[in-house]
């Protein structure tokens, strides 16, 4: 598995006072990135974070696998001051399953 954007830290200044917010696949990106980099942040907010692939066409699944196929690194909890996760009551089933996976590790 290739690391995600190694140059993100050179593009965006992230420090121990940063608050990162991700929705859906953006949340997956942030969790994966934080798992691959030893960065401390103040708060991580995950809105309907995705981890379970949708049941759409096979080509979409292939594209999504590059983003969603990673282990959630539990060490993130040691580097993030506070983690907030939520989804809506009417979220699709994959969204609820995804949230549960993040919740169990983080």
PDB file of N, CA and C in Angstrom:
ATOM      1  N   UNK A   1       0.840  -1.170   0.000  1.00  0.00           N
ATOM      2  CA  UNK A   1       0.000   0.000   0.000  1.00  0.00           C
ATOM      3  C   UNK A   1       0.891   1.242   0.000  1.00  0.00           C
ATOM      4  N   UNK A   2       0.620   2.139  -0.922  1.00  0.00           N
ATOM      5  CA  UNK A   2       1.370   3.379  -1.020  1.00  0.00           C
ATOM      6  C   UNK A   2       0.865   4.378   0.020  1.00  0.00           C
ATOM      7  N   UNK A   3       1.754   5.120   0.656  1.00  0.00           N
ATOM      8  CA  UNK A   3       1.308   6.156   1.585  1.00  0.00           C
ATOM      9  C   UNK A   3       0.508   7.224   0.829  1.00  0.00           C
ATOM     10  N   UNK A   4      -0.426   7.839   1.515  1.00  0.00           N
ATOM     11  CA  UNK A   4      -1.155   8.948   0.917  1.00  0.00           C
ATOM     12  C   UNK A   4      -0.268  10.174   0.885  1.00  0.00           C
ATOM     13  N   UNK A   5      -0.611  11.101   0.072  1.00  0.00           N
ATOM     14  CA  UNK A   5       0.087  12.360  -0.151  1.00  0.00           C
ATOM     15  C   UNK A   5       1.138  12.700   0.905  1.00  0.00           C
ATOM     16  N   UNK A   6       2.373  12.326   0.625  1.00  0.00           N
ATOM     17  CA  UNK A   6       3.482  12.590   1.549  1.00  0.00           C
ATOM     18  C   UNK A   6       3.722  14.083   1.731  1.00  0.00           C
ATOM     19  N   UNK A   7       3.313  14.875   0.749  1.00  0.00           N
ATOM     20  CA  UNK A   7       3.599  16.301   0.777  1.00  0.00           C
ATOM     21  C   UNK A   7       2.504  17.134   1.415  1.00  0.00           C
ATOM     22  N   UNK A   8       1.477  16.494   1.988  1.00  0.00           N
ATOM     23  CA  UNK A   8       0.399  17.267   2.604  1.00  0.00           C
ATOM     24  C   UNK A   8       0.950  18.205   3.667  1.00  0.00           C
ATOM     25  N   UNK A   9       1.875  17.718   4.475  1.00  0.00           N
ATOM     26  CA  UNK A   9       2.421  18.576   5.528  1.00  0.00           C
ATOM     27  C   UNK A   9       3.170  19.771   4.955  1.00  0.00           C
ATOM     28  N   UNK A  10       3.639  19.670   3.707  1.00  0.00           N
ATOM     29  CA  UNK A  10       4.321  20.785   3.079  1.00  0.00           C
ATOM     30  C   UNK A  10       3.337  21.736   2.402  1.00  0.00           C
ATOM     31  N   UNK A  11       2.116  21.285   2.202  1.00  0.00           N
ATOM     32  CA  UNK A  11       1.103  22.085   1.546  1.00  0.00           C
ATOM     33  C   UNK A  11       0.252  22.837   2.555  1.00  0.00           C
ATOM     34  N   UNK A  12      -0.083  22.183   3.644  1.00  0.00           N
ATOM     35  CA  UNK A  12      -0.953  22.752   4.664  1.00  0.00           C
ATOM     36  C   UNK A  12      -0.216  22.683   5.997  1.00  0.00           C
ATOM     37  N   UNK A  13      -0.174  23.791   6.711  1.00  0.00           N
ATOM     38  CA  UNK A  13       0.512  23.801   7.994  1.00  0.00           C
ATOM     39  C   UNK A  13      -0.392  23.177   9.047  1.00  0.00           C
ATOM     40  N   UNK A  14       0.016  22.050   9.591  1.00  0.00           N
ATOM     41  CA  UNK A  14      -0.745  21.334  10.608  1.00  0.00           C
ATOM     42  C   UNK A  14       0.103  21.264  11.868  1.00  0.00           C
ATOM     43  N   UNK A  15      -0.480  21.708  12.992  1.00  0.00           N
ATOM     44  CA  UNK A  15       0.264  21.659  14.251  1.00  0.00           C
ATOM     45  C   UNK A  15      -0.631  21.120  15.364  1.00  0.00           C
ATOM     46  N   UNK A  16      -0.152  21.171  16.589  1.00  0.00           N
ATOM     47  CA  UNK A  16      -0.884  20.586  17.713  1.00  0.00           C
ATOM     48  C   UNK A  16      -2.133  21.376  18.110  1.00  0.00           C
ATOM     49  N   UNK A  17      -2.384  22.505  17.448  1.00  0.00           N
ATOM     50  CA  UNK A  17      -3.604  23.273  17.688  1.00  0.00           C
ATOM     51  C   UNK A  17      -4.615  23.125  16.540  1.00  0.00           C
ATOM     52  N   UNK A  18      -4.261  22.352  15.545  1.00  0.00           N
ATOM     53  CA  UNK A  18      -5.117  22.189  14.365  1.00  0.00           C
ATOM     54  C   UNK A  18      -6.356  21.364  14.678  1.00  0.00           C
ATOM     55  N   UNK A  19      -7.439  21.719  14.013  1.00  0.00           N
ATOM     56  CA  UNK A  19      -8.682  20.950  14.042  1.00  0.00           C
ATOM     57  C   UNK A  19      -8.922  20.477  12.608  1.00  0.00           C
ATOM     58  N   UNK A  20      -8.952  19.170  12.419  1.00  0.00           N
ATOM     59  CA  UNK A  20      -9.175  18.610  11.087  1.00  0.00           C
ATOM     60  C   UNK A  20     -10.581  18.028  11.029  1.00  0.00           C
ATOM     61  N   UNK A  21     -11.310  18.369   9.959  1.00  0.00           N
ATOM     62  CA  UNK A  21     -12.683  17.909   9.770  1.00  0.00           C
ATOM     63  C   UNK A  21     -12.765  17.190   8.434  1.00  0.00           C
ATOM     64  N   UNK A  22     -13.299  15.979   8.467  1.00  0.00           N
ATOM     65  CA  UNK A  22     -13.454  15.225   7.235  1.00  0.00           C
ATOM     66  C   UNK A  22     -14.841  14.627   7.135  1.00  0.00           C
ATOM     67  N   UNK A  23     -15.402  14.656   5.938  1.00  0.00           N
ATOM     68  CA  UNK A  23     -16.717  14.072   5.678  1.00  0.00           C
ATOM     69  C   UNK A  23     -16.557  12.946   4.662  1.00  0.00           C
ATOM     70  N   UNK A  24     -17.165  11.811   4.944  1.00  0.00           N
ATOM     71  CA  UNK A  24     -17.203  10.659   4.047  1.00  0.00           C
ATOM     72  C   UNK A  24     -15.779  10.217   3.685  1.00  0.00           C
ATOM     73  N   UNK A  25     -15.432  10.230   2.402  1.00  0.00           N
ATOM     74  CA  UNK A  25     -14.093   9.763   2.030  1.00  0.00           C
ATOM     75  C   UNK A  25     -13.016  10.738   2.514  1.00  0.00           C
ATOM     76  N   UNK A  26     -13.379  11.995   2.765  1.00  0.00           N
ATOM     77  CA  UNK A  26     -12.425  12.950   3.343  1.00  0.00           C
ATOM     78  C   UNK A  26     -12.030  12.548   4.754  1.00  0.00           C
ATOM     79  N   UNK A  27     -12.973  11.960   5.482  1.00  0.00           N
ATOM     80  CA  UNK A  27     -12.672  11.454   6.823  1.00  0.00           C
ATOM     81  C   UNK A  27     -11.725  10.267   6.731  1.00  0.00           C
ATOM     82  N   UNK A  28     -11.980   9.381   5.763  1.00  0.00           N
ATOM     83  CA  UNK A  28     -11.088   8.231   5.560  1.00  0.00           C
ATOM     84  C   UNK A  28      -9.679   8.713   5.239  1.00  0.00           C
ATOM     85  N   UNK A  29      -9.575   9.722   4.383  1.00  0.00           N
ATOM     86  CA  UNK A  29      -8.263  10.273   4.035  1.00  0.00           C
ATOM     87  C   UNK A  29      -7.545  10.775   5.277  1.00  0.00           C
ATOM     88  N   UNK A  30      -8.241  11.554   6.112  1.00  0.00           N
ATOM     89  CA  UNK A  30      -7.596  12.112   7.306  1.00  0.00           C
ATOM     90  C   UNK A  30      -7.144  11.023   8.272  1.00  0.00           C
ATOM     91  N   UNK A  31      -7.995  10.012   8.499  1.00  0.00           N
ATOM     92  CA  UNK A  31      -7.630   8.935   9.430  1.00  0.00           C
ATOM     93  C   UNK A  31      -6.438   8.165   8.891  1.00  0.00           C
ATOM     94  N   UNK A  32      -6.456   7.882   7.603  1.00  0.00           N
ATOM     95  CA  UNK A  32      -5.318   7.164   7.022  1.00  0.00           C
ATOM     96  C   UNK A  32      -4.062   8.022   7.095  1.00  0.00           C
ATOM     97  N   UNK A  33      -4.160   9.291   6.754  1.00  0.00           N
ATOM     98  CA  UNK A  33      -3.003  10.181   6.776  1.00  0.00           C
ATOM     99  C   UNK A  33      -2.442  10.305   8.192  1.00  0.00           C
ATOM    100  N   UNK A  34      -3.317  10.502   9.177  1.00  0.00           N
ATOM    101  CA  UNK A  34      -2.852  10.601  10.559  1.00  0.00           C
ATOM    102  C   UNK A  34      -2.210   9.297  11.028  1.00  0.00           C
ATOM    103  N   UNK A  35      -2.700   8.175  10.529  1.00  0.00           N
ATOM    104  CA  UNK A  35      -2.109   6.884  10.878  1.00  0.00           C
ATOM    105  C   UNK A  35      -0.735   6.680  10.279  1.00  0.00           C
ATOM    106  N   UNK A  36      -0.475   7.343   9.165  1.00  0.00           N
ATOM    107  CA  UNK A  36       0.807   7.197   8.467  1.00  0.00           C
ATOM    108  C   UNK A  36       1.833   8.248   8.878  1.00  0.00           C
ATOM    109  N   UNK A  37       1.395   9.285   9.593  1.00  0.00           N
ATOM    110  CA  UNK A  37       2.290  10.376   9.973  1.00  0.00           C
ATOM    111  C   UNK A  37       2.197  10.616  11.476  1.00  0.00           C
ATOM    112  N   UNK A  38       3.314  10.901  12.064  1.00  0.00           N
ATOM    113  CA  UNK A  38       3.392  11.128  13.508  1.00  0.00           C
ATOM    114  C   UNK A  38       3.122  12.596  13.793  1.00  0.00           C
ATOM    115  N   UNK A  39       1.851  12.999  13.650  1.00  0.00           N
ATOM    116  CA  UNK A  39       1.473  14.396  13.855  1.00  0.00           C
ATOM    117  C   UNK A  39       0.475  14.499  14.987  1.00  0.00           C
ATOM    118  N   UNK A  40       0.657  15.503  15.839  1.00  0.00           N
ATOM    119  CA  UNK A  40      -0.290  15.775  16.913  1.00  0.00           C
ATOM    120  C   UNK A  40      -1.226  16.886  16.452  1.00  0.00           C
ATOM    121  N   UNK A  41      -2.524  16.708  16.748  1.00  0.00           N
ATOM    122  CA  UNK A  41      -3.509  17.739  16.448  1.00  0.00           C
ATOM    123  C   UNK A  41      -4.438  17.885  17.654  1.00  0.00           C
ATOM    124  N   UNK A  42      -5.149  18.998  17.703  1.00  0.00           N
ATOM    125  CA  UNK A  42      -6.046  19.257  18.829  1.00  0.00           C
ATOM    126  C   UNK A  42      -7.337  18.452  18.715  1.00  0.00           C
ATOM    127  N   UNK A  43      -7.916  18.394  17.510  1.00  0.00           N
ATOM    128  CA  UNK A  43      -9.222  17.761  17.385  1.00  0.00           C
ATOM    129  C   UNK A  43      -9.390  17.175  15.984  1.00  0.00           C
ATOM    130  N   UNK A  44     -10.046  16.022  15.944  1.00  0.00           N
ATOM    131  CA  UNK A  44     -10.390  15.360  14.688  1.00  0.00           C
ATOM    132  C   UNK A  44     -11.896  15.154  14.684  1.00  0.00           C
ATOM    133  N   UNK A  45     -12.569  15.714  13.686  1.00  0.00           N
ATOM    134  CA  UNK A  45     -14.018  15.578  13.572  1.00  0.00           C
ATOM    135  C   UNK A  45     -14.317  14.765  12.314  1.00  0.00           C
ATOM    136  N   UNK A  46     -14.973  13.626  12.509  1.00  0.00           N
ATOM    137  CA  UNK A  46     -15.306  12.728  11.403  1.00  0.00           C
ATOM    138  C   UNK A  46     -16.818  12.729  11.209  1.00  0.00           C
ATOM    139  N   UNK A  47     -17.259  13.215  10.071  1.00  0.00           N
ATOM    140  CA  UNK A  47     -18.682  13.288   9.752  1.00  0.00           C
ATOM    141  C   UNK A  47     -18.996  12.183   8.751  1.00  0.00           C
ATOM    142  N   UNK A  48     -19.807  11.234   9.164  1.00  0.00           N
ATOM    143  CA  UNK A  48     -20.145  10.060   8.352  1.00  0.00           C
ATOM    144  C   UNK A  48     -18.883   9.497   7.693  1.00  0.00           C
ATOM    145  N   UNK A  49     -17.898   9.118   8.497  1.00  0.00           N
ATOM    146  CA  UNK A  49     -16.649   8.606   7.923  1.00  0.00           C
ATOM    147  C   UNK A  49     -16.887   7.294   7.177  1.00  0.00           C
ATOM    148  N   UNK A  50     -16.285   7.144   6.025  1.00  0.00           N
ATOM    149  CA  UNK A  50     -16.481   5.935   5.225  1.00  0.00           C
ATOM    150  C   UNK A  50     -15.307   4.985   5.398  1.00  0.00           C
ATOM    151  N   UNK A  51     -15.632   3.716   5.447  1.00  0.00           N
ATOM    152  CA  UNK A  51     -14.637   2.643   5.464  1.00  0.00           C
ATOM    153  C   UNK A  51     -15.174   1.453   4.679  1.00  0.00           C
ATOM    154  N   UNK A  52     -16.490   1.267   4.710  1.00  0.00           N
ATOM    155  CA  UNK A  52     -17.137   0.192   3.973  1.00  0.00           C
ATOM    156  C   UNK A  52     -17.446   0.708   2.576  1.00  0.00           C
ATOM    157  N   UNK A  53     -17.024  -0.034   1.580  1.00  0.00           N
ATOM    158  CA  UNK A  53     -17.257   0.388   0.203  1.00  0.00           C
ATOM    159  C   UNK A  53     -18.728   0.316  -0.154  1.00  0.00           C
ATOM    160  N   UNK A  54     -19.123   1.190  -1.038  1.00  0.00           N
ATOM    161  CA  UNK A  54     -20.513   1.179  -1.511  1.00  0.00           C
ATOM    162  C   UNK A  54     -20.742  -0.044  -2.389  1.00  0.00           C
ATOM    163  N   UNK A  55     -21.972  -0.339  -2.633  1.00  0.00           N
ATOM    164  CA  UNK A  55     -22.325  -1.489  -3.453  1.00  0.00           C
ATOM    165  C   UNK A  55     -22.637  -1.049  -4.885  1.00  0.00           C
ATOM    166  N   UNK A  56     -21.917  -0.032  -5.355  1.00  0.00           N
ATOM    167  CA  UNK A  56     -22.110   0.465  -6.719  1.00  0.00           C
ATOM    168  C   UNK A  56     -21.302  -0.377  -7.693  1.00  0.00           C
ATOM    169  N   UNK A  57     -21.143   0.118  -8.898  1.00  0.00           N
ATOM    170  CA  UNK A  57     -20.452  -0.613  -9.956  1.00  0.00           C
ATOM    171  C   UNK A  57     -19.040  -1.021  -9.596  1.00  0.00           C
ATOM    172  N   UNK A  58     -18.564  -2.067 -10.245  1.00  0.00           N
ATOM    173  CA  UNK A  58     -17.248  -2.638  -9.955  1.00  0.00           C
ATOM    174  C   UNK A  58     -16.115  -1.636 -10.184  1.00  0.00           C
ATOM    175  N   UNK A  59     -16.216  -0.772 -11.190  1.00  0.00           N
ATOM    176  CA  UNK A  59     -15.148   0.201 -11.444  1.00  0.00           C
ATOM    177  C   UNK A  59     -15.045   1.193 -10.286  1.00  0.00           C
ATOM    178  N   UNK A  60     -16.177   1.557  -9.715  1.00  0.00           N
ATOM    179  CA  UNK A  60     -16.154   2.464  -8.558  1.00  0.00           C
ATOM    180  C   UNK A  60     -15.488   1.757  -7.386  1.00  0.00           C
ATOM    181  N   UNK A  61     -15.811   0.493  -7.168  1.00  0.00           N
ATOM    182  CA  UNK A  61     -15.206  -0.251  -6.062  1.00  0.00           C
ATOM    183  C   UNK A  61     -13.693  -0.287  -6.207  1.00  0.00           C
ATOM    184  N   UNK A  62     -13.196  -0.484  -7.414  1.00  0.00           N
ATOM    185  CA  UNK A  62     -11.752  -0.537  -7.643  1.00  0.00           C
ATOM    186  C   UNK A  62     -11.115   0.799  -7.288  1.00  0.00           C
ATOM    187  N   UNK A  63     -11.728   1.895  -7.703  1.00  0.00           N
ATOM    188  CA  UNK A  63     -11.199   3.217  -7.383  1.00  0.00           C
ATOM    189  C   UNK A  63     -11.238   3.470  -5.880  1.00  0.00           C
ATOM    190  N   UNK A  64     -12.311   3.053  -5.233  1.00  0.00           N
ATOM    191  CA  UNK A  64     -12.458   3.282  -3.800  1.00  0.00           C
ATOM    192  C   UNK A  64     -11.472   2.460  -2.988  1.00  0.00           C
ATOM    193  N   UNK A  65     -11.079   1.299  -3.481  1.00  0.00           N
ATOM    194  CA  UNK A  65     -10.224   0.422  -2.685  1.00  0.00           C
ATOM    195  C   UNK A  65      -8.899   1.086  -2.342  1.00  0.00           C
ATOM    196  N   UNK A  66      -8.405   1.962  -3.196  1.00  0.00           N
ATOM    197  CA  UNK A  66      -7.159   2.670  -2.893  1.00  0.00           C
ATOM    198  C   UNK A  66      -7.300   3.543  -1.654  1.00  0.00           C
ATOM    199  N   UNK A  67      -8.484   4.041  -1.402  1.00  0.00           N
ATOM    200  CA  UNK A  67      -8.701   4.923  -0.260  1.00  0.00           C
ATOM    201  C   UNK A  67      -9.150   4.157   0.980  1.00  0.00           C
ATOM    202  N   UNK A  68     -10.044   3.193   0.825  1.00  0.00           N
ATOM    203  CA  UNK A  68     -10.669   2.548   1.974  1.00  0.00           C
ATOM    204  C   UNK A  68      -9.939   1.326   2.507  1.00  0.00           C
ATOM    205  N   UNK A  69      -9.047   0.740   1.748  1.00  0.00           N
ATOM    206  CA  UNK A  69      -8.369  -0.476   2.201  1.00  0.00           C
ATOM    207  C   UNK A  69      -7.131  -0.141   3.021  1.00  0.00           C
ATOM    208  N   UNK A  70      -7.335   0.143   4.293  1.00  0.00           N
ATOM    209  CA  UNK A  70      -6.243   0.416   5.214  1.00  0.00           C
ATOM    210  C   UNK A  70      -6.703   0.030   6.611  1.00  0.00           C
ATOM    211  N   UNK A  71      -5.754  -0.259   7.464  1.00  0.00           N
ATOM    212  CA  UNK A  71      -6.075  -0.536   8.859  1.00  0.00           C
ATOM    213  C   UNK A  71      -6.109   0.787   9.615  1.00  0.00           C
ATOM    214  N   UNK A  72      -7.131   0.983  10.413  1.00  0.00           N
ATOM    215  CA  UNK A  72      -7.218   2.183  11.239  1.00  0.00           C
ATOM    216  C   UNK A  72      -6.184   2.042  12.346  1.00  0.00           C
ATOM    217  N   UNK A  73      -5.290   2.996  12.439  1.00  0.00           N
ATOM    218  CA  UNK A  73      -4.190   2.949  13.391  1.00  0.00           C
ATOM    219  C   UNK A  73      -4.663   3.456  14.763  1.00  0.00           C
ATOM    220  N   UNK A  74      -4.742   2.575  15.758  1.00  0.00           N
ATOM    221  CA  UNK A  74      -5.214   3.004  17.079  1.00  0.00           C
ATOM    222  C   UNK A  74      -4.286   4.007  17.757  1.00  0.00           C
ATOM    223  N   UNK A  75      -3.042   4.128  17.293  1.00  0.00           N
ATOM    224  CA  UNK A  75      -2.094   5.086  17.870  1.00  0.00           C
ATOM    225  C   UNK A  75      -2.537   6.530  17.654  1.00  0.00           C
ATOM    226  N   UNK A  76      -3.458   6.733  16.713  1.00  0.00           N
ATOM    227  CA  UNK A  76      -3.971   8.076  16.451  1.00  0.00           C
ATOM    228  C   UNK A  76      -4.529   8.687  17.730  1.00  0.00           C
ATOM    229  N   UNK A  77      -5.169   7.869  18.557  1.00  0.00           N
ATOM    230  CA  UNK A  77      -5.796   8.388  19.778  1.00  0.00           C
ATOM    231  C   UNK A  77      -4.776   9.014  20.728  1.00  0.00           C
ATOM    232  N   UNK A  78      -3.524   8.611  20.636  1.00  0.00           N
ATOM    233  CA  UNK A  78      -2.478   9.179  21.495  1.00  0.00           C
ATOM    234  C   UNK A  78      -1.996  10.531  20.991  1.00  0.00           C
ATOM    235  N   UNK A  79      -2.299  10.838  19.729  1.00  0.00           N
ATOM    236  CA  UNK A  79      -1.801  12.070  19.116  1.00  0.00           C
ATOM    237  C   UNK A  79      -2.894  13.109  18.856  1.00  0.00           C
ATOM    238  N   UNK A  80      -4.140  12.744  19.148  1.00  0.00           N
ATOM    239  CA  UNK A  80      -5.255  13.658  18.909  1.00  0.00           C
ATOM    240  C   UNK A  80      -5.911  13.972  20.248  1.00  0.00           C
ATOM    241  N   UNK A  81      -6.051  15.263  20.531  1.00  0.00           N
ATOM    242  CA  UNK A  81      -6.627  15.669  21.807  1.00  0.00           C
ATOM    243  C   UNK A  81      -8.057  15.186  21.994  1.00  0.00           C
ATOM    244  N   UNK A  82      -8.869  15.317  20.954  1.00  0.00           N
ATOM    245  CA  UNK A  82     -10.274  14.908  21.040  1.00  0.00           C
ATOM    246  C   UNK A  82     -10.738  14.432  19.670  1.00  0.00           C
ATOM    247  N   UNK A  83     -11.506  13.353  19.668  1.00  0.00           N
ATOM    248  CA  UNK A  83     -12.065  12.828  18.423  1.00  0.00           C
ATOM    249  C   UNK A  83     -13.587  12.829  18.547  1.00  0.00           C
ATOM    250  N   UNK A  84     -14.226  13.420  17.568  1.00  0.00           N
ATOM    251  CA  UNK A  84     -15.687  13.460  17.508  1.00  0.00           C
ATOM    252  C   UNK A  84     -16.104  12.756  16.226  1.00  0.00           C
ATOM    253  N   UNK A  85     -17.042  11.805  16.356  1.00  0.00           N
ATOM    254  CA  UNK A  85     -17.540  11.060  15.197  1.00  0.00           C
ATOM    255  C   UNK A  85     -19.052  11.052  15.229  1.00  0.00           C
ATOM    256  N   UNK A  86     -19.667  11.266  14.076  1.00  0.00           N
ATOM    257  CA  UNK A  86     -21.127  11.170  14.030  1.00  0.00           C
ATOM    258  C   UNK A  86     -21.614  10.962  12.605  1.00  0.00           C
ATOM    259  N   UNK A  87     -22.836  10.490  12.523  1.00  0.00           N
ATOM    260  CA  UNK A  87     -23.536  10.351  11.251  1.00  0.00           C
ATOM    261  C   UNK A  87     -25.005  10.630  11.504  1.00  0.00           C
ATOM    262  N   UNK A  88     -25.778  10.733  10.460  1.00  0.00           N
ATOM    263  CA  UNK A  88     -27.214  10.995  10.625  1.00  0.00           C
ATOM    264  C   UNK A  88     -27.973   9.689  10.835  1.00  0.00           C
ATOM    265  N   UNK A  89     -29.146   9.787  11.411  1.00  0.00           N
ATOM    266  CA  UNK A  89     -29.985   8.607  11.627  1.00  0.00           C
ATOM    267  C   UNK A  89     -30.404   7.962  10.317  1.00  0.00           C
ATOM    268  N   UNK A  90     -30.514   8.758   9.265  1.00  0.00           N
ATOM    269  CA  UNK A  90     -30.957   8.206   7.987  1.00  0.00           C
ATOM    270  C   UNK A  90     -29.800   7.930   7.027  1.00  0.00           C
ATOM    271  N   UNK A  91     -28.596   7.794   7.554  1.00  0.00           N
ATOM    272  CA  UNK A  91     -27.432   7.446   6.736  1.00  0.00           C
ATOM    273  C   UNK A  91     -27.626   6.052   6.135  1.00  0.00           C
ATOM    274  N   UNK A  92     -27.045   5.822   4.964  1.00  0.00           N
ATOM    275  CA  UNK A  92     -27.127   4.500   4.345  1.00  0.00           C
ATOM    276  C   UNK A  92     -26.419   3.488   5.235  1.00  0.00           C
ATOM    277  N   UNK A  93     -26.735   2.227   5.080  1.00  0.00           N
ATOM    278  CA  UNK A  93     -26.196   1.169   5.939  1.00  0.00           C
ATOM    279  C   UNK A  93     -24.665   1.144   5.926  1.00  0.00           C
ATOM    280  N   UNK A  94     -24.053   1.326   4.743  1.00  0.00           N
ATOM    281  CA  UNK A  94     -22.582   1.329   4.671  1.00  0.00           C
ATOM    282  C   UNK A  94     -21.984   2.431   5.534  1.00  0.00           C
ATOM    283  N   UNK A  95     -22.682   3.576   5.600  1.00  0.00           N
ATOM    284  CA  UNK A  95     -22.211   4.679   6.436  1.00  0.00           C
ATOM    285  C   UNK A  95     -22.249   4.327   7.909  1.00  0.00           C
ATOM    286  N   UNK A  96     -23.307   3.655   8.334  1.00  0.00           N
ATOM    287  CA  UNK A  96     -23.418   3.247   9.733  1.00  0.00           C
ATOM    288  C   UNK A  96     -22.379   2.181  10.078  1.00  0.00           C
ATOM    289  N   UNK A  97     -22.158   1.247   9.164  1.00  0.00           N
ATOM    290  CA  UNK A  97     -21.149   0.204   9.391  1.00  0.00           C
ATOM    291  C   UNK A  97     -19.752   0.815   9.457  1.00  0.00           C
ATOM    292  N   UNK A  98     -19.504   1.777   8.608  1.00  0.00           N
ATOM    293  CA  UNK A  98     -18.209   2.448   8.611  1.00  0.00           C
ATOM    294  C   UNK A  98     -17.963   3.159   9.934  1.00  0.00           C
ATOM    295  N   UNK A  99     -18.957   3.915  10.387  1.00  0.00           N
ATOM    296  CA  UNK A  99     -18.824   4.636  11.649  1.00  0.00           C
ATOM    297  C   UNK A  99     -18.504   3.668  12.783  1.00  0.00           C
ATOM    298  N   UNK A 100     -19.140   2.533  12.791  1.00  0.00           N
ATOM    299  CA  UNK A 100     -18.899   1.531  13.831  1.00  0.00           C
ATOM    300  C   UNK A 100     -17.445   1.061  13.812  1.00  0.00           C
ATOM    301  N   UNK A 101     -16.874   0.873  12.627  1.00  0.00           N
ATOM    302  CA  UNK A 101     -15.476   0.447  12.521  1.00  0.00           C
ATOM    303  C   UNK A 101     -14.536   1.500  13.106  1.00  0.00           C
ATOM    304  N   UNK A 102     -14.771   2.759  12.792  1.00  0.00           N
ATOM    305  CA  UNK A 102     -13.930   3.814  13.349  1.00  0.00           C
ATOM    306  C   UNK A 102     -14.101   3.895  14.865  1.00  0.00           C
ATOM    307  N   UNK A 103     -15.343   3.806  15.303  1.00  0.00           N
ATOM    308  CA  UNK A 103     -15.643   3.905  16.730  1.00  0.00           C
ATOM    309  C   UNK A 103     -14.950   2.808  17.522  1.00  0.00           C
ATOM    310  N   UNK A 104     -14.920   1.585  16.983  1.00  0.00           N
ATOM    311  CA  UNK A 104     -14.307   0.455  17.693  1.00  0.00           C
ATOM    312  C   UNK A 104     -12.798   0.635  17.864  1.00  0.00           C
ATOM    313  N   UNK A 105     -12.152   1.322  16.950  1.00  0.00           N
ATOM    314  CA  UNK A 105     -10.688   1.486  17.028  1.00  0.00           C
ATOM    315  C   UNK A 105     -10.290   2.792  17.695  1.00  0.00           C
ATOM    316  N   UNK A 106     -11.028   3.846  17.414  1.00  0.00           N
ATOM    317  CA  UNK A 106     -10.649   5.163  17.927  1.00  0.00           C
ATOM    318  C   UNK A 106     -11.462   5.554  19.141  1.00  0.00           C
TER     319      UNK A 106
END
